Amino acid sequence: MLKTLLTGASGQLGTCVREMAKTSESIVMPDSQTLDLSNTDNLKAQLEVIAPQQIINCAAYTNVDKAETDTDQARRINTEAPAVLAKYALEHSIPMVHISTDFVFDGQKSTPYKTTDATCPINAYGKTKLEGDQKALLENPNIWVIRTSWTYSEHGSNFVLRILELASKHDSLSVVTDQVGSPCYARNLATAIWKVLEVQPNSGIYHFADIGEISRRDFALAAIEEASKSHLIDRCTPVKGVSSSHFPSPAARPAYSVLDSSLIENEANVTLTDWRTGLQNMICRLAAQKAIH
């Protein structure tokens, strides 16, 4: 049985990675004391104790706005820790998948971002994640870096769950129209991660998101429509489109961050689904959970 170190195991992606694991996988999910990603001085010694046979790094400092002021902590977790993990993987000749983000791009394109496109993050979160990708690949060119975008699931805290909560409490919502991206159901990403570890395609950078592009406002509306069909909420709350200036925030967001996932589809034989199907599957699982409780 292969011992897999899963960082960020309690997050929405980490939870989905656990759910999608095969029975032949032994998942090690250390707490922050057993494996403290913010303390890189002790990280190598902690890894030696755990002695994983492969690594999936889903952990990240993901509070985009807070990262503008808490940059040192964001850099420790997003930049320094992945480099230590990657170096350990190289020294022990074990595979490693590291999860990254669409926020490494500035959003100035109008066609989907390829893995070869120039990066230019516009906030501290994106900068620390990009530096983490670069440092990890510098330490170990044999790893797989998978950038994803707009991740959501039935677990944790995410855009879809927040929209459904707001829609159940308010007569109308306002959501931005000038941010366009590729939604990604975390269970689909989790399946892709396991597929990469199984197939072991060429190392380097890959993109993974569900097929298609949509604005935040239209994605919110779709989530409400699907939830209403599944009786998770009792009405289709109207969603007004507004500009990002309507919601001032410390960190800028890319206006366009659609990802081209064709490379991972071709190289790792990963099956892609459209974003609406991913959303429907998530809503179905959420409705089933609610029915159980």
Protein backbone atom coordinates (compact mmCIF):
# COMPACT_ATOMS: atom_id res chain seq x y z
CA MET A 1 0.00 0.00 0.00
CA LEU A 2 1.48 3.31 -1.13
CA LYS A 3 1.81 5.95 1.61
CA THR A 4 0.61 9.30 0.25
CA LEU A 5 1.30 12.51 2.15
CA LEU A 6 -1.69 14.81 1.60
CA THR A 7 -1.22 18.38 2.78
CA GLY A 8 -4.30 20.57 3.15
CA ALA A 9 -6.34 17.41 3.78
CA SER A 10 -9.08 19.25 5.68
CA GLY A 11 -9.70 21.77 2.87
CA GLN A 12 -12.29 21.31 0.15
CA LEU A 13 -9.81 19.94 -2.39
CA GLY A 14 -8.01 17.78 0.16
CA THR A 15 -11.34 16.30 1.23
CA CYS A 16 -12.18 15.46 -2.38
CA VAL A 17 -8.73 13.93 -2.92
CA ARG A 18 -9.39 11.64 0.05
CA GLU A 19 -12.84 10.73 -1.28
CA MET A 20 -11.49 9.90 -4.74
CA ALA A 21 -8.52 7.81 -3.53
CA LYS A 22 -8.33 4.14 -4.42
CA THR A 23 -8.36 1.59 -1.62
CA SER A 24 -4.73 0.82 -2.43
CA GLU A 25 -3.70 4.28 -1.24
CA SER A 26 -2.73 4.93 2.37
CA ILE A 27 -3.38 8.62 3.02
CA VAL A 28 -1.31 10.38 5.68
CA MET A 29 -2.99 13.61 6.82
CA PRO A 30 -0.75 15.27 9.43
CA ASP A 31 -1.99 18.15 11.55
CA SER A 32 -0.08 21.44 11.64
CA GLN A 33 2.03 20.31 14.59
CA THR A 34 3.13 17.08 12.90
CA LEU A 35 3.81 18.93 9.65
CA ASP A 36 4.08 22.71 10.03
CA LEU A 37 4.32 24.20 6.54
CA SER A 38 4.87 27.67 8.00
CA ASN A 39 8.06 26.52 9.74
CA THR A 40 10.38 25.46 6.94
CA ASP A 41 13.31 25.05 9.34
CA ASN A 42 11.65 21.96 10.84
CA LEU A 43 9.81 20.79 7.75
CA LYS A 44 12.47 18.48 6.36
CA ALA A 45 12.87 16.67 9.69
CA GLN A 46 9.11 16.24 9.95
CA LEU A 47 9.01 14.80 6.43
CA GLU A 48 11.71 12.28 7.36
CA VAL A 49 9.54 11.05 10.25
CA ILE A 50 6.44 10.71 8.04
CA ALA A 51 8.48 9.06 5.23
CA PRO A 52 5.88 9.37 2.44
CA GLN A 53 6.11 7.45 -0.83
CA GLN A 54 4.37 10.21 -2.77
CA ILE A 55 3.21 13.77 -2.03
CA ILE A 56 0.09 15.72 -2.96
CA ASN A 57 0.42 19.33 -1.86
CA CYS A 58 -3.05 20.88 -1.67
CA ALA A 59 -2.13 23.21 1.19
CA ALA A 60 -1.96 26.94 0.54
CA TYR A 61 -2.47 30.31 2.14
CA THR A 62 -5.61 31.18 0.17
CA ASN A 63 -6.97 34.34 1.82
CA VAL A 64 -6.33 36.58 -1.19
CA ASP A 65 -7.09 39.89 0.52
CA LYS A 66 -5.31 39.09 3.80
CA ALA A 67 -2.20 38.03 1.87
CA GLU A 68 -1.69 41.68 0.92
CA THR A 69 -0.67 42.44 4.52
CA ASP A 70 0.19 38.97 5.86
CA THR A 71 2.64 38.42 3.02
CA ASP A 72 5.39 36.81 5.12
CA GLN A 73 3.07 34.00 6.26
CA ALA A 74 1.67 33.60 2.75
CA ARG A 75 5.21 33.31 1.39
CA ARG A 76 6.22 30.71 3.97
CA ILE A 77 3.28 28.46 3.06
CA ASN A 78 2.91 29.23 -0.66
CA THR A 79 6.55 29.69 -1.65
CA GLU A 80 9.03 28.18 0.81
CA ALA A 81 7.13 25.04 1.86
CA PRO A 82 6.55 23.72 -1.69
CA ALA A 83 10.28 24.08 -2.36
CA VAL A 84 11.12 21.98 0.72
CA LEU A 85 8.53 19.34 -0.26
CA ALA A 86 9.87 19.22 -3.82
CA LYS A 87 13.46 18.87 -2.65
CA TYR A 88 12.45 16.02 -0.33
CA ALA A 89 10.66 14.31 -3.24
CA LEU A 90 13.78 14.58 -5.38
CA GLU A 91 16.11 13.28 -2.65
CA HIS A 92 13.85 10.27 -2.07
CA SER A 93 12.89 9.72 -5.74
CA ILE A 94 9.16 9.93 -5.05
CA PRO A 95 6.40 11.55 -7.16
CA MET A 96 4.85 14.86 -6.16
CA VAL A 97 1.86 16.89 -7.34
CA HIS A 98 1.70 20.55 -6.33
CA ILE A 99 -1.51 22.56 -6.77
CA SER A 100 -1.27 26.12 -8.06
CA THR A 101 -3.62 28.84 -9.26
CA ASP A 102 -4.92 30.91 -12.18
CA PHE A 103 -3.93 33.98 -10.15
CA VAL A 104 -0.39 33.69 -11.53
CA PHE A 105 -1.80 35.54 -14.59
CA ASP A 106 -2.75 39.22 -14.90
CA GLY A 107 -6.04 38.60 -16.71
CA GLN A 108 -5.24 40.75 -19.73
CA LYS A 109 -5.83 37.97 -22.28
CA SER A 110 -9.17 37.23 -23.91
CA THR A 111 -8.40 33.61 -24.88
CA PRO A 112 -7.73 30.70 -22.50
CA TYR A 113 -4.33 30.71 -20.79
CA LYS A 114 -1.93 27.99 -21.90
CA THR A 115 0.79 26.61 -19.64
CA THR A 116 3.38 28.39 -21.80
CA ASP A 117 1.83 31.87 -21.45
CA ALA A 118 3.75 34.54 -19.59
CA THR A 119 2.86 34.92 -15.91
CA CYS A 120 2.31 38.29 -14.24
CA PRO A 121 0.40 38.10 -10.93
CA ILE A 122 -1.38 41.26 -9.79
CA ASN A 123 -1.72 40.47 -6.08
CA ALA A 124 0.43 39.11 -3.26
CA TYR A 125 -1.34 35.75 -3.22
CA GLY A 126 -0.62 35.20 -6.91
CA LYS A 127 2.99 36.31 -6.48
CA THR A 128 3.65 33.92 -3.59
CA LYS A 129 2.02 31.04 -5.48
CA LEU A 130 4.02 31.75 -8.64
CA GLU A 131 7.25 31.94 -6.65
CA GLY A 132 6.30 28.62 -5.04
CA ASP A 133 5.79 26.98 -8.44
CA GLN A 134 9.13 28.31 -9.66
CA LYS A 135 11.10 27.36 -6.55
CA ALA A 136 9.55 23.89 -6.38
CA LEU A 137 10.39 23.20 -10.03
CA LEU A 138 13.89 24.58 -9.53
CA GLU A 139 14.44 22.20 -6.61
CA ASN A 140 12.85 19.29 -8.45
CA PRO A 141 12.04 19.44 -12.19
CA ASN A 142 10.38 16.01 -11.94
CA ILE A 143 7.23 17.21 -10.14
CA TRP A 144 3.83 18.10 -11.61
CA VAL A 145 2.45 21.58 -10.96
CA ILE A 146 -1.29 21.75 -11.65
CA ARG A 147 -2.81 25.22 -11.86
CA THR A 148 -6.55 25.40 -11.31
CA SER A 149 -9.23 28.07 -10.98
CA TRP A 150 -12.51 28.95 -9.28
CA THR A 151 -12.50 25.72 -7.27
CA TYR A 152 -15.69 24.77 -5.45
CA SER A 153 -17.30 21.70 -3.88
CA GLU A 154 -19.89 20.60 -1.36
CA HIS A 155 -17.20 20.94 1.33
CA GLY A 156 -15.65 23.87 3.15
CA SER A 157 -16.09 27.48 2.12
CA ASN A 158 -16.31 28.50 -1.52
CA PHE A 159 -18.10 30.76 -3.99
CA VAL A 160 -20.98 28.40 -4.77
CA LEU A 161 -21.80 27.63 -1.14
CA ARG A 162 -21.65 31.34 -0.23
CA ILE A 163 -23.97 32.23 -3.11
CA LEU A 164 -26.50 29.58 -2.08
CA GLU A 165 -26.41 30.76 1.52
CA LEU A 166 -26.95 34.38 0.46
CA ALA A 167 -29.68 33.41 -2.01
CA SER A 168 -31.62 31.69 0.76
CA LYS A 169 -31.52 34.83 2.92
CA HIS A 170 -31.92 37.73 0.47
CA ASP A 171 -34.46 38.80 -2.15
CA SER A 172 -31.73 39.69 -4.65
CA LEU A 173 -27.94 39.53 -5.00
CA SER A 174 -25.28 41.60 -6.74
CA VAL A 175 -22.32 39.76 -8.28
CA VAL A 176 -19.53 41.03 -10.53
CA THR A 177 -19.72 40.60 -14.30
CA ASP A 178 -16.16 41.74 -15.10
CA GLN A 179 -14.41 38.64 -13.76
CA VAL A 180 -14.49 35.70 -16.18
CA GLY A 181 -12.98 32.30 -15.47
CA SER A 182 -13.21 28.51 -15.65
CA PRO A 183 -15.11 26.99 -12.71
CA CYS A 184 -13.60 23.76 -11.40
CA TYR A 185 -15.49 21.17 -9.35
CA ALA A 186 -12.94 19.92 -6.82
CA ARG A 187 -13.91 16.26 -7.25
CA ASN A 188 -12.99 16.54 -10.94
CA LEU A 189 -9.63 18.04 -9.99
CA ALA A 190 -9.08 15.31 -7.38
CA THR A 191 -9.71 12.66 -10.05
CA ALA A 192 -7.19 14.40 -12.31
CA ILE A 193 -4.56 14.45 -9.54
CA TRP A 194 -4.83 10.70 -9.01
CA LYS A 195 -4.76 10.16 -12.77
CA VAL A 196 -1.52 12.14 -13.08
CA LEU A 197 0.09 10.05 -10.35
CA GLU A 198 -1.08 6.88 -12.11
CA VAL A 199 -0.06 7.84 -15.67
CA GLN A 200 3.02 9.90 -14.68
CA PRO A 201 3.13 12.11 -17.80
CA ASN A 202 6.02 14.45 -18.56
CA SER A 203 6.80 16.59 -15.53
CA GLY A 204 6.19 20.33 -15.41
CA ILE A 205 3.21 22.67 -15.46
CA TYR A 206 -0.36 21.66 -16.33
CA HIS A 207 -3.70 23.43 -16.20
CA PHE A 208 -6.92 21.82 -15.02
CA ALA A 209 -10.41 23.32 -14.88
CA ASP A 210 -13.78 22.30 -16.22
CA ILE A 211 -14.54 23.20 -19.85
CA GLY A 212 -15.99 26.60 -20.69
CA GLU A 213 -15.90 30.14 -19.39
CA ILE A 214 -18.39 32.25 -17.52
CA SER A 215 -18.63 35.45 -15.50
CA ARG A 216 -18.97 35.38 -11.73
CA ARG A 217 -22.51 36.77 -12.04
CA ASP A 218 -23.64 34.11 -14.53
CA PHE A 219 -21.98 31.35 -12.52
CA ALA A 220 -23.86 32.54 -9.41
CA LEU A 221 -27.11 32.53 -11.38
CA ALA A 222 -26.45 29.00 -12.66
CA ALA A 223 -25.73 27.79 -9.12
CA ILE A 224 -29.02 29.27 -7.90
CA GLU A 225 -30.95 27.73 -10.80
CA GLU A 226 -29.50 24.26 -10.17
CA ALA A 227 -30.05 24.52 -6.41
CA SER A 228 -33.65 25.59 -6.96
CA LYS A 229 -34.24 22.56 -9.22
CA SER A 230 -32.87 20.30 -6.50
CA HIS A 231 -34.98 22.05 -3.82
CA LEU A 232 -31.92 23.18 -1.88
CA ILE A 233 -33.36 26.69 -1.98
CA ASP A 234 -37.02 27.58 -2.42
CA ARG A 235 -36.74 30.21 -5.15
CA CYS A 236 -34.55 31.52 -7.98
CA THR A 237 -33.17 34.65 -6.36
CA PRO A 238 -32.42 37.30 -9.01
CA VAL A 239 -28.73 38.22 -9.48
CA LYS A 240 -27.81 41.71 -10.61
CA GLY A 241 -24.56 42.21 -12.49
CA VAL A 242 -22.19 44.88 -11.17
CA SER A 243 -18.56 45.86 -11.77
CA SER A 244 -15.71 44.93 -9.43
CA SER A 245 -15.57 48.57 -8.30
CA HIS A 246 -18.87 47.86 -6.53
CA PHE A 247 -16.94 45.66 -4.08
CA PRO A 248 -13.62 47.38 -3.28
CA SER A 249 -11.03 44.93 -1.93
CA PRO A 250 -7.36 45.09 -0.88
CA ALA A 251 -6.26 42.67 -3.62
CA ALA A 252 -6.91 43.02 -7.35
CA ARG A 253 -8.39 40.05 -9.20
CA PRO A 254 -7.66 39.04 -12.81
CA ALA A 255 -10.47 40.09 -15.14
CA TYR A 256 -9.99 36.98 -17.28
CA SER A 257 -8.39 33.78 -16.00
CA VAL A 258 -9.82 31.00 -18.17
CA LEU A 259 -7.45 28.03 -18.32
CA ASP A 260 -6.69 25.84 -21.34
CA SER A 261 -6.68 22.28 -19.94
CA SER A 262 -5.92 20.48 -23.21
CA LEU A 263 -2.35 19.54 -22.20
CA ILE A 264 -3.37 17.49 -19.16
CA GLU A 265 -6.18 15.92 -21.21
CA ASN A 266 -3.73 14.81 -23.90
CA GLU A 267 -0.65 13.96 -21.82
CA ALA A 268 -2.31 12.28 -18.83
CA ASN A 269 -5.49 10.96 -20.46
CA VAL A 270 -7.57 13.07 -18.08
CA THR A 271 -11.26 13.35 -18.95
CA LEU A 272 -12.61 16.90 -18.99
CA THR A 273 -16.26 17.80 -18.39
CA ASP A 274 -18.05 21.09 -18.97
CA TRP A 275 -18.51 23.43 -16.01
CA ARG A 276 -22.32 23.06 -15.96
CA THR A 277 -22.07 19.29 -15.55
CA GLY A 278 -19.58 19.77 -12.71
CA LEU A 279 -21.96 22.21 -11.02
CA GLN A 280 -24.92 19.84 -11.43
CA ASN A 281 -22.93 16.98 -9.92
CA MET A 282 -21.92 19.12 -6.95
CA ILE A 283 -25.51 20.26 -6.36
CA CYS A 284 -26.71 16.63 -6.54
CA ARG A 285 -24.22 15.60 -3.87
CA LEU A 286 -25.15 18.58 -1.73
CA ALA A 287 -28.85 17.69 -2.01
CA ALA A 288 -28.08 14.06 -1.10
CA GLN A 289 -26.15 15.20 1.97
CA LYS A 290 -29.04 17.43 3.02
CA ALA A 291 -31.51 14.55 2.57
CA ILE A 292 -29.40 12.33 4.85
CA HIS A 293 -29.30 14.99 7.58
